[in-house]
Each structure stands twice: as structure tokens, then as C-alpha cells.
C-alpha atoms as a PDB file:
ATOM      1  CA  UNK A   1      68.423  59.708  89.856  1.00  0.00           C
ATOM      2  CA  UNK A   2      71.576  59.215  87.835  1.00  0.00           C
ATOM      3  CA  UNK A   3      70.558  55.739  86.563  1.00  0.00           C
ATOM      4  CA  UNK A   4      67.245  57.010  85.141  1.00  0.00           C
ATOM      5  CA  UNK A   5      69.092  59.949  83.574  1.00  0.00           C
ATOM      6  CA  UNK A   6      71.676  57.694  81.925  1.00  0.00           C
ATOM      7  CA  UNK A   7      69.011  55.347  80.566  1.00  0.00           C
ATOM      8  CA  UNK A   8      66.508  57.982  79.387  1.00  0.00           C
ATOM      9  CA  UNK A   9      68.858  60.584  77.898  1.00  0.00           C
ATOM     10  CA  UNK A  10      69.761  58.705  74.679  1.00  0.00           C
ATOM     11  CA  UNK A  11      66.087  58.021  73.988  1.00  0.00           C
ATOM     12  CA  UNK A  12      65.204  61.677  74.581  1.00  0.00           C
ATOM     13  CA  UNK A  13      67.968  62.813  72.235  1.00  0.00           C
ATOM     14  CA  UNK A  14      66.738  60.465  69.500  1.00  0.00           C
ATOM     15  CA  UNK A  15      63.119  61.543  70.057  1.00  0.00           C
ATOM     16  CA  UNK A  16      64.177  65.179  69.853  1.00  0.00           C
ATOM     17  CA  UNK A  17      66.058  64.547  66.600  1.00  0.00           C
ATOM     18  CA  UNK A  18      63.016  63.033  64.903  1.00  0.00           C
ATOM     19  CA  UNK A  19      61.005  65.548  62.883  1.00  0.00           C
ATOM     20  CA  UNK A  20      57.649  65.924  64.618  1.00  0.00           C
ATOM     21  CA  UNK A  21      55.890  66.337  61.299  1.00  0.00           C
ATOM     22  CA  UNK A  22      56.976  62.786  60.457  1.00  0.00           C
ATOM     23  CA  UNK A  23      55.501  61.519  63.726  1.00  0.00           C
ATOM     24  CA  UNK A  24      52.212  63.381  63.296  1.00  0.00           C
ATOM     25  CA  UNK A  25      50.587  60.814  60.933  1.00  0.00           C
ATOM     26  CA  UNK A  26      51.479  58.015  63.363  1.00  0.00           C
ATOM     27  CA  UNK A  27      49.944  59.979  66.229  1.00  0.00           C
ATOM     28  CA  UNK A  28      46.784  60.525  64.178  1.00  0.00           C
ATOM     29  CA  UNK A  29      46.495  56.777  63.568  1.00  0.00           C
ATOM     30  CA  UNK A  30      47.095  55.972  67.252  1.00  0.00           C
ATOM     31  CA  UNK A  31      44.904  58.672  68.814  1.00  0.00           C
ATOM     32  CA  UNK A  32      42.407  59.432  66.076  1.00  0.00           C
ATOM     33  CA  UNK A  33      41.576  62.418  63.932  1.00  0.00           C
ATOM     34  CA  UNK A  34      40.706  64.603  66.931  1.00  0.00           C
ATOM     35  CA  UNK A  35      41.908  67.566  68.913  1.00  0.00           C
ATOM     36  CA  UNK A  36      43.717  65.118  71.190  1.00  0.00           C
ATOM     37  CA  UNK A  37      46.167  64.412  68.347  1.00  0.00           C
ATOM     38  CA  UNK A  38      46.854  68.132  67.925  1.00  0.00           C
ATOM     39  CA  UNK A  39      47.651  68.475  71.624  1.00  0.00           C
ATOM     40  CA  UNK A  40      49.960  65.444  71.566  1.00  0.00           C
ATOM     41  CA  UNK A  41      51.877  66.812  68.556  1.00  0.00           C
ATOM     42  CA  UNK A  42      52.250  70.172  70.336  1.00  0.00           C
ATOM     43  CA  UNK A  43      53.477  68.444  73.496  1.00  0.00           C
ATOM     44  CA  UNK A  44      55.961  66.302  71.583  1.00  0.00           C
ATOM     45  CA  UNK A  45      57.295  69.386  69.855  1.00  0.00           C
ATOM     46  CA  UNK A  46      58.026  71.247  73.061  1.00  0.00           C
ATOM     47  CA  UNK A  47      58.273  68.838  76.001  1.00  0.00           C
ATOM     48  CA  UNK A  48      61.319  66.882  74.824  1.00  0.00           C
ATOM     49  CA  UNK A  49      63.354  70.073  74.368  1.00  0.00           C
ATOM     50  CA  UNK A  50      62.256  71.225  77.821  1.00  0.00           C
ATOM     51  CA  UNK A  51      63.240  67.968  79.486  1.00  0.00           C
ATOM     52  CA  UNK A  52      66.667  67.990  77.843  1.00  0.00           C
ATOM     53  CA  UNK A  53      67.436  71.615  78.699  1.00  0.00           C
ATOM     54  CA  UNK A  54      66.203  71.376  82.294  1.00  0.00           C
ATOM     55  CA  UNK A  55      68.034  68.068  82.759  1.00  0.00           C
ATOM     56  CA  UNK A  56      71.210  69.715  81.529  1.00  0.00           C
ATOM     57  CA  UNK A  57      70.675  72.540  84.023  1.00  0.00           C
ATOM     58  CA  UNK A  58      70.099  70.045  86.856  1.00  0.00           C
ATOM     59  CA  UNK A  59      73.302  68.198  85.972  1.00  0.00           C
ATOM     60  CA  UNK A  60      75.347  71.412  86.029  1.00  0.00           C
ATOM     61  CA  UNK A  61      74.472  72.375  89.603  1.00  0.00           C
ATOM     62  CA  UNK A  62      77.565  72.872  91.738  1.00  0.00           C
ATOM     63  CA  UNK A  63      78.472  69.510  93.272  1.00  0.00           C
ATOM     64  CA  UNK A  64      80.048  71.232  96.280  1.00  0.00           C
ATOM     65  CA  UNK A  65      76.672  72.668  97.323  1.00  0.00           C
ATOM     66  CA  UNK A  66      75.076  69.241  97.057  1.00  0.00           C
ATOM     67  CA  UNK A  67      77.895  67.690  99.124  1.00  0.00           C
ATOM     68  CA  UNK A  68      77.440  70.397 101.762  1.00  0.00           C
ATOM     69  CA  UNK A  69      73.734  69.611 102.127  1.00  0.00           C
ATOM     70  CA  UNK A  70      74.527  65.873 102.351  1.00  0.00           C
ATOM     71  CA  UNK A  71      77.183  66.489 105.018  1.00  0.00           C
ATOM     72  CA  UNK A  72      74.619  68.295 107.148  1.00  0.00           C
ATOM     73  CA  UNK A  73      72.214  65.349 106.787  1.00  0.00           C
ATOM     74  CA  UNK A  74      70.011  66.707 104.032  1.00  0.00           C
ATOM     75  CA  UNK A  75      67.646  64.402 102.204  1.00  0.00           C
ATOM     76  CA  UNK A  76      67.260  64.104  98.428  1.00  0.00           C
ATOM     77  CA  UNK A  77      64.062  66.140  98.695  1.00  0.00           C
ATOM     78  CA  UNK A  78      65.923  68.928 100.498  1.00  0.00           C
ATOM     79  CA  UNK A  79      68.738  68.865  97.934  1.00  0.00           C
ATOM     80  CA  UNK A  80      66.167  69.214  95.155  1.00  0.00           C
ATOM     81  CA  UNK A  81      64.136  71.955  96.840  1.00  0.00           C
ATOM     82  CA  UNK A  82      66.977  73.976  98.402  1.00  0.00           C
ATOM     83  CA  UNK A  83      69.798  73.647  95.855  1.00  0.00           C
ATOM     84  CA  UNK A  84      68.893  72.161  92.485  1.00  0.00           C
ATOM     85  CA  UNK A  85      65.518  73.786  91.841  1.00  0.00           C
ATOM     86  CA  UNK A  86      66.478  77.351  92.918  1.00  0.00           C
ATOM     87  CA  UNK A  87      69.672  77.158  90.853  1.00  0.00           C
ATOM     88  CA  UNK A  88      67.652  76.180  87.783  1.00  0.00           C
ATOM     89  CA  UNK A  89      64.868  78.760  87.850  1.00  0.00           C
ATOM     90  CA  UNK A  90      66.570  80.753  85.043  1.00  0.00           C
ATOM     91  CA  UNK A  91      66.955  77.554  82.988  1.00  0.00           C
ATOM     92  CA  UNK A  92      63.279  76.698  83.471  1.00  0.00           C
ATOM     93  CA  UNK A  93      62.184  80.218  82.497  1.00  0.00           C
ATOM     94  CA  UNK A  94      64.366  80.118  79.378  1.00  0.00           C
ATOM     95  CA  UNK A  95      62.843  76.747  78.482  1.00  0.00           C
ATOM     96  CA  UNK A  96      59.398  78.317  78.819  1.00  0.00           C
ATOM     97  CA  UNK A  97      60.419  81.142  76.490  1.00  0.00           C
ATOM     98  CA  UNK A  98      61.631  78.659  73.895  1.00  0.00           C
ATOM     99  CA  UNK A  99      58.519  76.523  74.265  1.00  0.00           C
ATOM    100  CA  UNK A 100      56.176  79.401  73.495  1.00  0.00           C
ATOM    101  CA  UNK A 101      57.223  79.234  69.863  1.00  0.00           C
ATOM    102  CA  UNK A 102      57.644  75.481  69.732  1.00  0.00           C
ATOM    103  CA  UNK A 103      54.195  74.794  71.139  1.00  0.00           C
ATOM    104  CA  UNK A 104      52.594  77.074  68.557  1.00  0.00           C
ATOM    105  CA  UNK A 105      54.541  75.247  65.845  1.00  0.00           C
ATOM    106  CA  UNK A 106      53.290  71.928  67.201  1.00  0.00           C
ATOM    107  CA  UNK A 107      49.682  73.108  67.271  1.00  0.00           C
ATOM    108  CA  UNK A 108      49.895  74.448  63.736  1.00  0.00           C
ATOM    109  CA  UNK A 109      51.483  71.226  62.434  1.00  0.00           C
ATOM    110  CA  UNK A 110      48.743  69.224  64.143  1.00  0.00           C
ATOM    111  CA  UNK A 111      46.080  71.482  62.660  1.00  0.00           C
ATOM    112  CA  UNK A 112      47.656  71.149  59.213  1.00  0.00           C
ATOM    113  CA  UNK A 113      46.988  67.431  59.367  1.00  0.00           C
ATOM    114  CA  UNK A 114      43.856  67.035  61.467  1.00  0.00           C
ATOM    115  CA  UNK A 115      41.787  70.130  62.049  1.00  0.00           C
ATOM    116  CA  UNK A 116      38.621  71.322  60.393  1.00  0.00           C
ATOM    117  CA  UNK A 117      39.032  74.729  62.058  1.00  0.00           C
ATOM    118  CA  UNK A 118      41.738  76.796  63.688  1.00  0.00           C
ATOM    119  CA  UNK A 119      44.639  78.892  62.468  1.00  0.00           C
ATOM    120  CA  UNK A 120      46.571  75.961  60.994  1.00  0.00           C
ATOM    121  CA  UNK A 121      43.526  74.879  59.019  1.00  0.00           C
ATOM    122  CA  UNK A 122      42.983  78.481  57.897  1.00  0.00           C
ATOM    123  CA  UNK A 123      46.592  78.722  56.696  1.00  0.00           C
ATOM    124  CA  UNK A 124      46.337  75.498  54.676  1.00  0.00           C
ATOM    125  CA  UNK A 125      42.865  76.204  53.323  1.00  0.00           C
ATOM    126  CA  UNK A 126      43.699  79.838  52.530  1.00  0.00           C
ATOM    127  CA  UNK A 127      46.794  78.716  50.643  1.00  0.00           C
ATOM    128  CA  UNK A 128      44.799  76.166  48.653  1.00  0.00           C
ATOM    129  CA  UNK A 129      42.165  78.643  47.495  1.00  0.00           C
ATOM    130  CA  UNK A 130      44.667  81.499  47.062  1.00  0.00           C
ATOM    131  CA  UNK A 131      43.261  83.654  49.854  1.00  0.00           C
ATOM    132  CA  UNK A 132      46.644  84.945  50.987  1.00  0.00           C
ATOM    133  CA  UNK A 133      44.989  87.573  53.173  1.00  0.00           C
ATOM    134  CA  UNK A 134      43.638  84.704  55.315  1.00  0.00           C
ATOM    135  CA  UNK A 135      47.106  83.203  55.500  1.00  0.00           C
ATOM    136  CA  UNK A 136      48.720  86.511  56.456  1.00  0.00           C
ATOM    137  CA  UNK A 137      46.036  87.273  59.044  1.00  0.00           C
ATOM    138  CA  UNK A 138      46.588  83.834  60.605  1.00  0.00           C
ATOM    139  CA  UNK A 139      50.336  84.440  60.741  1.00  0.00           C
ATOM    140  CA  UNK A 140      49.788  87.871  62.334  1.00  0.00           C
ATOM    141  CA  UNK A 141      47.430  86.377  64.932  1.00  0.00           C
ATOM    142  CA  UNK A 142      50.005  83.672  65.716  1.00  0.00           C
ATOM    143  CA  UNK A 143      52.687  86.339  66.083  1.00  0.00           C
ATOM    144  CA  UNK A 144      50.520  88.349  68.475  1.00  0.00           C
ATOM    145  CA  UNK A 145      49.693  85.262  70.527  1.00  0.00           C
ATOM    146  CA  UNK A 146      53.365  84.301  70.737  1.00  0.00           C
ATOM    147  CA  UNK A 147      54.328  87.857  71.728  1.00  0.00           C
ATOM    148  CA  UNK A 148      51.636  87.863  74.424  1.00  0.00           C
ATOM    149  CA  UNK A 149      52.784  84.536  75.840  1.00  0.00           C
ATOM    150  CA  UNK A 150      56.403  85.693  75.794  1.00  0.00           C
ATOM    151  CA  UNK A 151      55.429  88.881  77.661  1.00  0.00           C
ATOM    152  CA  UNK A 152      53.580  86.817  80.272  1.00  0.00           C
ATOM    153  CA  UNK A 153      56.712  84.747  80.856  1.00  0.00           C
ATOM    154  CA  UNK A 154      58.830  87.927  81.025  1.00  0.00           C
ATOM    155  CA  UNK A 155      56.477  89.338  83.697  1.00  0.00           C
ATOM    156  CA  UNK A 156      56.719  86.055  85.606  1.00  0.00           C
ATOM    157  CA  UNK A 157      60.505  86.220  85.346  1.00  0.00           C
ATOM    158  CA  UNK A 158      60.552  89.756  86.773  1.00  0.00           C
ATOM    159  CA  UNK A 159      58.319  88.725  89.696  1.00  0.00           C
ATOM    160  CA  UNK A 160      60.527  85.749  90.491  1.00  0.00           C
ATOM    161  CA  UNK A 161      63.641  87.958  90.303  1.00  0.00           C
ATOM    162  CA  UNK A 162      62.141  90.245  92.982  1.00  0.00           C
ATOM    163  CA  UNK A 163      61.965  87.346  95.447  1.00  0.00           C
END
């Protein structure tokens, strides 16, 4: 829907420009000092970027293909499922690859502020008591988790390419 896109896009751009670490204390006040706040910070960190990149991909679909479907009596649902979505599978997969790192950043930022356990808490606490081995181990674990998630998306991408 072009109207919804035109109305929502400026707000999404502004929300994306805001540093999520600045929003984290507000989220903690609104949702409490719980794991829910950590999840919301992680979602804010990654979802806005995803929406903007996928929206950009949707807007760049060849208009001639959409006109062709409309000429043959295609519905909006058919245009989405037969033209727009298949053309944007690479964009969606790239957004997933980007979000692997961003979601981990969001979780760690949330844990910096809220958690009593977890890797973010271990990084902060280890830094405070000068246990740099704890900090480095946490960073290595995060790197391995991110690499594993990236590999899972790469495998998914290969399976989709075979279709």
C-alpha cells in the first residue's frame, strides 16, 4: 500500500537513526527490569533495519511485471506472491544476514542495562572486576554464535537457490 509506505517511511527512518542504547532506559521504564526489555531492545535494533531494506526491495520490483499481472486480472495477493516476494528473496536473506549481528548487539546492550546473567552481564561484570578472561571468553562465544547463525542462513540461502 503506497499510502502506508509514504506515511510510515519517515517515522521508520527517524527510529532507525536514534541510537538504541539511548532508547534502552526508556524501554526498561516502560516494560520493567526483565528479560522482556532485553528482547524489545534486540528487536528494535534489528527490525527497523529489516523493514527499511525489505521495503526498499519491494519498491524496486519491476513495474512492468506488476502491470502485466494486473492486465491479466491478477489480484494484489497474486502480485505479492508471484512477483514481489520471489523477486525479493535475496533482499530478505541479506537482511537476515545483517540482522544476525544486529540482534546480538541488541541483546548485549539490553543485558548491559538489565540482566543479572548472560553474556552481556558477564562482559560488564568481568570488566568491572578486571577479569578480562571472562570478557574475552564472552566475546569469543558471541563470535561463535554469530558465525553459527550466519552459516544457518547461508545453508538456507543455498536450499532456496536450488528451488
